[in-house]
Amino acid sequence: MKKGKRYLESAKLIDRTTQYPVVEALDLAVKTAKAKFDETVELHVKLGVDGRNADQQVRGVVVLPHGTGKSKKILVIAKGDNADLAKKAGADFVGAEEMITKIQSQNWFGFDVCVTTPDMMPVIGRIAKLLGPKGLMPNPKSGTVTTDVTKAITEIKAGKVEYRLDKHNIIHVIIGKASFGVEKLTENLNTVMEALIKAKPAAAKGTYVKSVSVSSTMGPGIKVQY
């Protein structure tokens, strides 16, 4: 894949063989975010686990102190009082069976997060095959299957992010926008890293954090000392 001129210019600022201290790495990530839009900054962490084993899974959620810089559209599948609470808490879409039908019949996915209550999981099950591949299936581990919809919505709007292993045992997490500046990005990164270290499975052997890097949307990867 051919790299663009802007990317190649940014890459000149970075020594690929060097692991930079966190603040320095994030400073470079901000400097290499030269697109005309406010680029997202991502954290990538390779872990010394085997995600194929259930006892070595790493998955959870963390609320970033400065949010992600991206507002998420929230769908809440709920009835009665929970539906009313969801509307008051600022959910973008609230409904029950009619939302399931809309997703099934119209292939509608105008939301970023789906929150539901435990009693609605049998209904959600009807569209599990549609939500699952898009990473939208509610899950108790990510706090999106809950009896407290108000708390779930508040946390998502405050900047809650989910982390989970990909098939290469790497965690990818958004830690903000380039416009946040180094200080806020540093606090967000450290918050995620603390959560990942706490989430270390007891079955994990050897080096747990194998490599850490950051990058902006259009910028090159930058290795981080951690």
C-alpha atoms as a PDB file:
ATOM      1  CA  MET A   1       0.000   0.000   0.000  1.00  0.00           C
ATOM      2  CA  LYS A   2       1.446   3.333  -1.074  1.00  0.00           C
ATOM      3  CA  LYS A   3       1.818   5.893   1.721  1.00  0.00           C
ATOM      4  CA  GLY A   4       0.786   9.513   1.171  1.00  0.00           C
ATOM      5  CA  LYS A   5       3.191  12.450   1.155  1.00  0.00           C
ATOM      6  CA  ARG A   6       1.896  13.733   4.517  1.00  0.00           C
ATOM      7  CA  TYR A   7       2.405  10.310   6.130  1.00  0.00           C
ATOM      8  CA  LEU A   8       5.943  10.035   4.774  1.00  0.00           C
ATOM      9  CA  GLU A   9       6.813  13.513   6.108  1.00  0.00           C
ATOM     10  CA  SER A  10       5.443  12.562   9.533  1.00  0.00           C
ATOM     11  CA  ALA A  11       7.378   9.286   9.516  1.00  0.00           C
ATOM     12  CA  LYS A  12      10.649  11.231   9.217  1.00  0.00           C
ATOM     13  CA  LEU A  13      10.049  12.631  12.723  1.00  0.00           C
ATOM     14  CA  ILE A  14      10.028   9.156  14.230  1.00  0.00           C
ATOM     15  CA  ASP A  15      12.808   6.658  14.845  1.00  0.00           C
ATOM     16  CA  ARG A  16      11.141   3.259  14.395  1.00  0.00           C
ATOM     17  CA  THR A  17      13.796   1.555  16.540  1.00  0.00           C
ATOM     18  CA  THR A  18      13.234   3.827  19.553  1.00  0.00           C
ATOM     19  CA  GLN A  19      10.776   3.349  22.411  1.00  0.00           C
ATOM     20  CA  TYR A  20       9.779   6.836  23.509  1.00  0.00           C
ATOM     21  CA  PRO A  21       8.691   7.895  27.008  1.00  0.00           C
ATOM     22  CA  VAL A  22       4.889   8.327  27.173  1.00  0.00           C
ATOM     23  CA  VAL A  23       4.884  12.151  27.061  1.00  0.00           C
ATOM     24  CA  GLU A  24       7.397  12.234  24.199  1.00  0.00           C
ATOM     25  CA  ALA A  25       5.493   9.606  22.214  1.00  0.00           C
ATOM     26  CA  LEU A  26       2.220  11.481  22.582  1.00  0.00           C
ATOM     27  CA  ASP A  27       3.903  14.746  21.641  1.00  0.00           C
ATOM     28  CA  LEU A  28       5.017  13.057  18.415  1.00  0.00           C
ATOM     29  CA  ALA A  29       1.528  11.625  17.853  1.00  0.00           C
ATOM     30  CA  VAL A  30       0.079  15.149  18.096  1.00  0.00           C
ATOM     31  CA  LYS A  31       2.785  16.592  15.821  1.00  0.00           C
ATOM     32  CA  THR A  32       2.221  13.912  13.172  1.00  0.00           C
ATOM     33  CA  ALA A  33      -1.552  14.462  13.147  1.00  0.00           C
ATOM     34  CA  LYS A  34      -1.472  16.777  10.153  1.00  0.00           C
ATOM     35  CA  ALA A  35      -4.805  16.001   8.491  1.00  0.00           C
ATOM     36  CA  LYS A  36      -7.408  18.717   7.936  1.00  0.00           C
ATOM     37  CA  PHE A  37      -9.666  17.086  10.536  1.00  0.00           C
ATOM     38  CA  ASP A  38      -9.070  16.531  14.261  1.00  0.00           C
ATOM     39  CA  GLU A  39      -7.387  13.141  14.211  1.00  0.00           C
ATOM     40  CA  THR A  40      -8.153  10.449  16.769  1.00  0.00           C
ATOM     41  CA  VAL A  41      -5.246   9.112  18.837  1.00  0.00           C
ATOM     42  CA  GLU A  42      -5.220   5.356  19.446  1.00  0.00           C
ATOM     43  CA  LEU A  43      -3.353   3.178  21.912  1.00  0.00           C
ATOM     44  CA  HIS A  44      -2.276  -0.334  20.845  1.00  0.00           C
ATOM     45  CA  VAL A  45      -1.060  -2.815  23.464  1.00  0.00           C
ATOM     46  CA  LYS A  46       0.237  -6.310  22.645  1.00  0.00           C
ATOM     47  CA  LEU A  47      -0.287  -8.608  25.618  1.00  0.00           C
ATOM     48  CA  GLY A  48       1.508 -11.826  26.529  1.00  0.00           C
ATOM     49  CA  VAL A  49      -1.689 -13.878  26.741  1.00  0.00           C
ATOM     50  CA  ASP A  50      -3.463 -16.395  24.516  1.00  0.00           C
ATOM     51  CA  GLY A  51      -6.990 -15.128  23.960  1.00  0.00           C
ATOM     52  CA  ARG A  52      -8.043 -18.525  22.607  1.00  0.00           C
ATOM     53  CA  ASN A  53      -8.082 -19.714  26.222  1.00  0.00           C
ATOM     54  CA  ALA A  54     -11.068 -18.556  28.268  1.00  0.00           C
ATOM     55  CA  ASP A  55      -8.880 -18.075  31.366  1.00  0.00           C
ATOM     56  CA  GLN A  56      -6.588 -15.658  29.487  1.00  0.00           C
ATOM     57  CA  GLN A  57      -9.232 -13.336  28.085  1.00  0.00           C
ATOM     58  CA  VAL A  58      -8.719  -9.622  28.759  1.00  0.00           C
ATOM     59  CA  ARG A  59     -11.874  -7.560  28.437  1.00  0.00           C
ATOM     60  CA  GLY A  60     -13.440  -4.697  30.343  1.00  0.00           C
ATOM     61  CA  VAL A  61     -14.337  -1.039  30.376  1.00  0.00           C
ATOM     62  CA  VAL A  62     -12.699   2.120  31.627  1.00  0.00           C
ATOM     63  CA  VAL A  63     -13.928   5.709  31.850  1.00  0.00           C
ATOM     64  CA  LEU A  64     -11.344   8.091  30.398  1.00  0.00           C
ATOM     65  CA  PRO A  65     -10.850  11.185  32.584  1.00  0.00           C
ATOM     66  CA  HIS A  66     -11.059  13.449  29.520  1.00  0.00           C
ATOM     67  CA  GLY A  67     -13.417  11.376  27.381  1.00  0.00           C
ATOM     68  CA  THR A  68     -12.745  10.303  23.802  1.00  0.00           C
ATOM     69  CA  GLY A  69     -13.674  13.530  22.042  1.00  0.00           C
ATOM     70  CA  LYS A  70     -16.311  11.582  20.151  1.00  0.00           C
ATOM     71  CA  SER A  71     -19.996  11.653  21.048  1.00  0.00           C
ATOM     72  CA  LYS A  72     -21.624   8.238  20.823  1.00  0.00           C
ATOM     73  CA  LYS A  73     -25.218   7.630  19.768  1.00  0.00           C
ATOM     74  CA  ILE A  74     -26.858   5.335  22.308  1.00  0.00           C
ATOM     75  CA  LEU A  75     -29.750   2.938  21.654  1.00  0.00           C
ATOM     76  CA  VAL A  76     -31.512   1.615  24.755  1.00  0.00           C
ATOM     77  CA  ILE A  77     -33.763  -1.439  24.453  1.00  0.00           C
ATOM     78  CA  ALA A  78     -36.024  -1.223  27.494  1.00  0.00           C
ATOM     79  CA  LYS A  79     -39.637  -0.991  28.648  1.00  0.00           C
ATOM     80  CA  GLY A  80     -41.639   0.881  31.275  1.00  0.00           C
ATOM     81  CA  ASP A  81     -39.735   2.818  33.928  1.00  0.00           C
ATOM     82  CA  ASN A  82     -36.353   1.866  32.451  1.00  0.00           C
ATOM     83  CA  ALA A  83     -37.373   3.318  29.085  1.00  0.00           C
ATOM     84  CA  ASP A  84     -38.420   6.559  30.827  1.00  0.00           C
ATOM     85  CA  LEU A  85     -35.133   6.696  32.747  1.00  0.00           C
ATOM     86  CA  ALA A  86     -33.175   6.138  29.538  1.00  0.00           C
ATOM     87  CA  LYS A  87     -34.916   9.069  27.846  1.00  0.00           C
ATOM     88  CA  LYS A  88     -34.234  11.323  30.854  1.00  0.00           C
ATOM     89  CA  ALA A  89     -30.556  10.265  30.894  1.00  0.00           C
ATOM     90  CA  GLY A  90     -30.122  11.377  27.288  1.00  0.00           C
ATOM     91  CA  ALA A  91     -30.278   8.165  25.238  1.00  0.00           C
ATOM     92  CA  ASP A  92     -30.554   8.947  21.530  1.00  0.00           C
ATOM     93  CA  PHE A  93     -32.995   6.130  20.771  1.00  0.00           C
ATOM     94  CA  VAL A  94     -35.253   4.226  23.181  1.00  0.00           C
ATOM     95  CA  GLY A  95     -37.671   1.414  22.438  1.00  0.00           C
ATOM     96  CA  ALA A  96     -38.383  -2.296  22.714  1.00  0.00           C
ATOM     97  CA  GLU A  97     -39.655  -4.777  20.090  1.00  0.00           C
ATOM     98  CA  GLU A  98     -40.198  -1.982  17.542  1.00  0.00           C
ATOM     99  CA  MET A  99     -36.453  -1.239  17.577  1.00  0.00           C
ATOM    100  CA  ILE A 100     -35.672  -4.923  17.014  1.00  0.00           C
ATOM    101  CA  THR A 101     -38.039  -4.903  14.026  1.00  0.00           C
ATOM    102  CA  LYS A 102     -36.443  -1.729  12.656  1.00  0.00           C
ATOM    103  CA  ILE A 103     -32.973  -3.293  12.809  1.00  0.00           C
ATOM    104  CA  GLN A 104     -34.214  -6.519  11.214  1.00  0.00           C
ATOM    105  CA  SER A 105     -36.361  -5.031   8.454  1.00  0.00           C
ATOM    106  CA  GLN A 106     -34.448  -1.850   7.628  1.00  0.00           C
ATOM    107  CA  ASN A 107     -30.891  -2.987   8.436  1.00  0.00           C
ATOM    108  CA  TRP A 108     -30.745   0.127  10.645  1.00  0.00           C
ATOM    109  CA  PHE A 109     -27.576   0.739  12.647  1.00  0.00           C
ATOM    110  CA  GLY A 110     -27.725   4.456  13.403  1.00  0.00           C
ATOM    111  CA  PHE A 111     -26.169   3.994  16.853  1.00  0.00           C
ATOM    112  CA  ASP A 112     -22.713   3.335  18.333  1.00  0.00           C
ATOM    113  CA  VAL A 113     -23.680   1.547  21.562  1.00  0.00           C
ATOM    114  CA  CYS A 114     -26.647  -0.644  22.500  1.00  0.00           C
ATOM    115  CA  VAL A 115     -27.689  -0.785  26.164  1.00  0.00           C
ATOM    116  CA  THR A 116     -30.395  -3.072  27.501  1.00  0.00           C
ATOM    117  CA  THR A 117     -31.854  -4.466  30.713  1.00  0.00           C
ATOM    118  CA  PRO A 118     -31.528  -8.168  31.640  1.00  0.00           C
ATOM    119  CA  ASP A 119     -35.247  -8.821  31.067  1.00  0.00           C
ATOM    120  CA  MET A 120     -34.908  -7.730  27.418  1.00  0.00           C
ATOM    121  CA  MET A 121     -32.035 -10.089  26.545  1.00  0.00           C
ATOM    122  CA  PRO A 122     -34.350 -12.776  25.068  1.00  0.00           C
ATOM    123  CA  VAL A 123     -35.692 -10.113  22.686  1.00  0.00           C
ATOM    124  CA  ILE A 124     -32.169  -8.890  21.853  1.00  0.00           C
ATOM    125  CA  GLY A 125     -31.239 -12.520  21.144  1.00  0.00           C
ATOM    126  CA  ARG A 126     -33.317 -12.338  17.956  1.00  0.00           C
ATOM    127  CA  ILE A 127     -30.795  -9.929  16.438  1.00  0.00           C
ATOM    128  CA  ALA A 128     -27.615 -11.253  18.065  1.00  0.00           C
ATOM    129  CA  LYS A 129     -26.279 -12.372  14.658  1.00  0.00           C
ATOM    130  CA  LEU A 130     -26.746  -8.830  13.334  1.00  0.00           C
ATOM    131  CA  LEU A 131     -25.300  -6.995  16.348  1.00  0.00           C
ATOM    132  CA  GLY A 132     -22.430  -9.384  17.143  1.00  0.00           C
ATOM    133  CA  PRO A 133     -20.283  -8.912  14.009  1.00  0.00           C
ATOM    134  CA  LYS A 134     -20.583  -5.129  14.380  1.00  0.00           C
ATOM    135  CA  GLY A 135     -19.453  -5.214  18.018  1.00  0.00           C
ATOM    136  CA  LEU A 136     -22.843  -3.855  19.132  1.00  0.00           C
ATOM    137  CA  MET A 137     -24.169  -6.810  21.145  1.00  0.00           C
ATOM    138  CA  PRO A 138     -24.898  -5.745  24.760  1.00  0.00           C
ATOM    139  CA  ASN A 139     -22.749  -7.546  27.315  1.00  0.00           C
ATOM    140  CA  PRO A 140     -22.722  -7.506  31.132  1.00  0.00           C
ATOM    141  CA  LYS A 141     -18.884  -7.294  31.115  1.00  0.00           C
ATOM    142  CA  SER A 142     -18.987  -4.019  29.210  1.00  0.00           C
ATOM    143  CA  GLY A 143     -21.778  -2.647  31.415  1.00  0.00           C
ATOM    144  CA  THR A 144     -24.284  -2.554  28.553  1.00  0.00           C
ATOM    145  CA  VAL A 145     -26.595  -5.179  30.090  1.00  0.00           C
ATOM    146  CA  THR A 146     -27.641  -3.516  33.319  1.00  0.00           C
ATOM    147  CA  THR A 147     -30.484  -2.703  35.686  1.00  0.00           C
ATOM    148  CA  ASP A 148     -29.095   0.846  36.020  1.00  0.00           C
ATOM    149  CA  VAL A 149     -29.570   2.371  32.561  1.00  0.00           C
ATOM    150  CA  THR A 150     -28.988   5.887  33.892  1.00  0.00           C
ATOM    151  CA  LYS A 151     -25.491   5.010  35.115  1.00  0.00           C
ATOM    152  CA  ALA A 152     -24.668   3.185  31.863  1.00  0.00           C
ATOM    153  CA  ILE A 153     -25.701   6.153  29.699  1.00  0.00           C
ATOM    154  CA  THR A 154     -23.926   8.684  31.932  1.00  0.00           C
ATOM    155  CA  GLU A 155     -20.664   6.705  31.802  1.00  0.00           C
ATOM    156  CA  ILE A 156     -20.798   6.231  28.027  1.00  0.00           C
ATOM    157  CA  LYS A 157     -21.399   9.936  27.504  1.00  0.00           C
ATOM    158  CA  ALA A 158     -18.554  10.724  29.948  1.00  0.00           C
ATOM    159  CA  GLY A 159     -16.091   8.750  27.828  1.00  0.00           C
ATOM    160  CA  LYS A 160     -16.338   5.085  28.766  1.00  0.00           C
ATOM    161  CA  VAL A 161     -14.411   2.843  26.381  1.00  0.00           C
ATOM    162  CA  GLU A 162     -14.367  -0.920  26.103  1.00  0.00           C
ATOM    163  CA  TYR A 163     -11.158  -2.862  25.652  1.00  0.00           C
ATOM    164  CA  ARG A 164     -10.870  -6.444  24.434  1.00  0.00           C
ATOM    165  CA  LEU A 165      -8.288  -8.645  22.767  1.00  0.00           C
ATOM    166  CA  ASP A 166      -8.314  -8.986  19.006  1.00  0.00           C
ATOM    167  CA  LYS A 167      -7.288 -12.296  17.391  1.00  0.00           C
ATOM    168  CA  HIS A 168      -3.628 -11.230  17.579  1.00  0.00           C
ATOM    169  CA  ASN A 169      -3.866 -10.607  21.364  1.00  0.00           C
ATOM    170  CA  ILE A 170      -3.670  -6.850  20.872  1.00  0.00           C
ATOM    171  CA  ILE A 171      -5.860  -4.263  22.605  1.00  0.00           C
ATOM    172  CA  HIS A 172      -6.840  -1.202  20.553  1.00  0.00           C
ATOM    173  CA  VAL A 173      -8.351   1.755  22.441  1.00  0.00           C
ATOM    174  CA  ILE A 174      -9.161   5.328  21.450  1.00  0.00           C
ATOM    175  CA  ILE A 175      -7.575   7.704  23.983  1.00  0.00           C
ATOM    176  CA  GLY A 176      -8.791  11.028  22.588  1.00  0.00           C
ATOM    177  CA  LYS A 177      -8.244  13.570  19.833  1.00  0.00           C
ATOM    178  CA  ALA A 178      -5.004  15.241  18.763  1.00  0.00           C
ATOM    179  CA  SER A 179      -6.522  18.567  19.856  1.00  0.00           C
ATOM    180  CA  PHE A 180      -6.613  17.329  23.476  1.00  0.00           C
ATOM    181  CA  GLY A 181      -2.905  18.026  23.779  1.00  0.00           C
ATOM    182  CA  VAL A 182      -0.244  15.898  25.452  1.00  0.00           C
ATOM    183  CA  GLU A 183      -1.330  16.333  29.091  1.00  0.00           C
ATOM    184  CA  LYS A 184      -4.908  15.087  28.646  1.00  0.00           C
ATOM    185  CA  LEU A 185      -3.832  12.296  26.300  1.00  0.00           C
ATOM    186  CA  THR A 186      -1.226  11.188  28.869  1.00  0.00           C
ATOM    187  CA  GLU A 187      -3.849  10.983  31.627  1.00  0.00           C
ATOM    188  CA  ASN A 188      -6.178   9.001  29.359  1.00  0.00           C
ATOM    189  CA  LEU A 189      -3.387   6.618  28.311  1.00  0.00           C
ATOM    190  CA  ASN A 190      -2.271   6.005  31.886  1.00  0.00           C
ATOM    191  CA  THR A 191      -5.876   5.309  32.929  1.00  0.00           C
ATOM    192  CA  VAL A 192      -6.202   2.634  30.241  1.00  0.00           C
ATOM    193  CA  MET A 193      -2.830   1.072  31.059  1.00  0.00           C
ATOM    194  CA  GLU A 194      -3.680   0.886  34.775  1.00  0.00           C
ATOM    195  CA  ALA A 195      -6.957  -0.874  33.902  1.00  0.00           C
ATOM    196  CA  LEU A 196      -5.171  -3.354  31.604  1.00  0.00           C
ATOM    197  CA  ILE A 197      -2.550  -4.170  34.247  1.00  0.00           C
ATOM    198  CA  LYS A 198      -5.296  -4.740  36.861  1.00  0.00           C
ATOM    199  CA  ALA A 199      -7.094  -6.995  34.370  1.00  0.00           C
ATOM    200  CA  LYS A 200      -4.085  -9.344  34.015  1.00  0.00           C
ATOM    201  CA  PRO A 201      -5.419 -12.912  34.051  1.00  0.00           C
ATOM    202  CA  ALA A 202      -4.020 -15.198  36.762  1.00  0.00           C
ATOM    203  CA  ALA A 203      -3.241 -17.753  34.013  1.00  0.00           C
ATOM    204  CA  ALA A 204      -0.989 -15.329  32.093  1.00  0.00           C
ATOM    205  CA  LYS A 205       2.676 -16.379  32.214  1.00  0.00           C
ATOM    206  CA  GLY A 206       5.847 -14.478  31.317  1.00  0.00           C
ATOM    207  CA  THR A 207       5.871 -10.860  30.151  1.00  0.00           C
ATOM    208  CA  TYR A 208       2.335  -9.463  30.273  1.00  0.00           C
ATOM    209  CA  VAL A 209       2.754  -6.128  28.445  1.00  0.00           C
ATOM    210  CA  LYS A 210       4.840  -7.043  25.389  1.00  0.00           C
ATOM    211  CA  SER A 211       4.655  -3.790  23.438  1.00  0.00           C
ATOM    212  CA  VAL A 212       2.863  -0.446  23.519  1.00  0.00           C
ATOM    213  CA  SER A 213       2.415   2.035  20.689  1.00  0.00           C
ATOM    214  CA  VAL A 214       0.332   5.087  19.843  1.00  0.00           C
ATOM    215  CA  SER A 215      -0.741   6.582  16.523  1.00  0.00           C
ATOM    216  CA  SER A 216      -3.020   9.245  15.140  1.00  0.00           C
ATOM    217  CA  THR A 217      -5.636   8.357  12.507  1.00  0.00           C
ATOM    218  CA  MET A 218      -3.387   9.180   9.539  1.00  0.00           C
ATOM    219  CA  GLY A 219      -0.023   9.058  11.288  1.00  0.00           C
ATOM    220  CA  PRO A 220       2.646   6.381  11.752  1.00  0.00           C
ATOM    221  CA  GLY A 221       2.906   4.126  14.802  1.00  0.00           C
ATOM    222  CA  ILE A 222       5.146   5.317  17.651  1.00  0.00           C
ATOM    223  CA  LYS A 223       6.631   2.826  20.130  1.00  0.00           C
ATOM    224  CA  VAL A 224       6.147   3.665  23.813  1.00  0.00           C
ATOM    225  CA  GLN A 225       8.193   2.747  26.879  1.00  0.00           C
ATOM    226  CA  TYR A 226       5.888   1.264  29.486  1.00  0.00           C
END
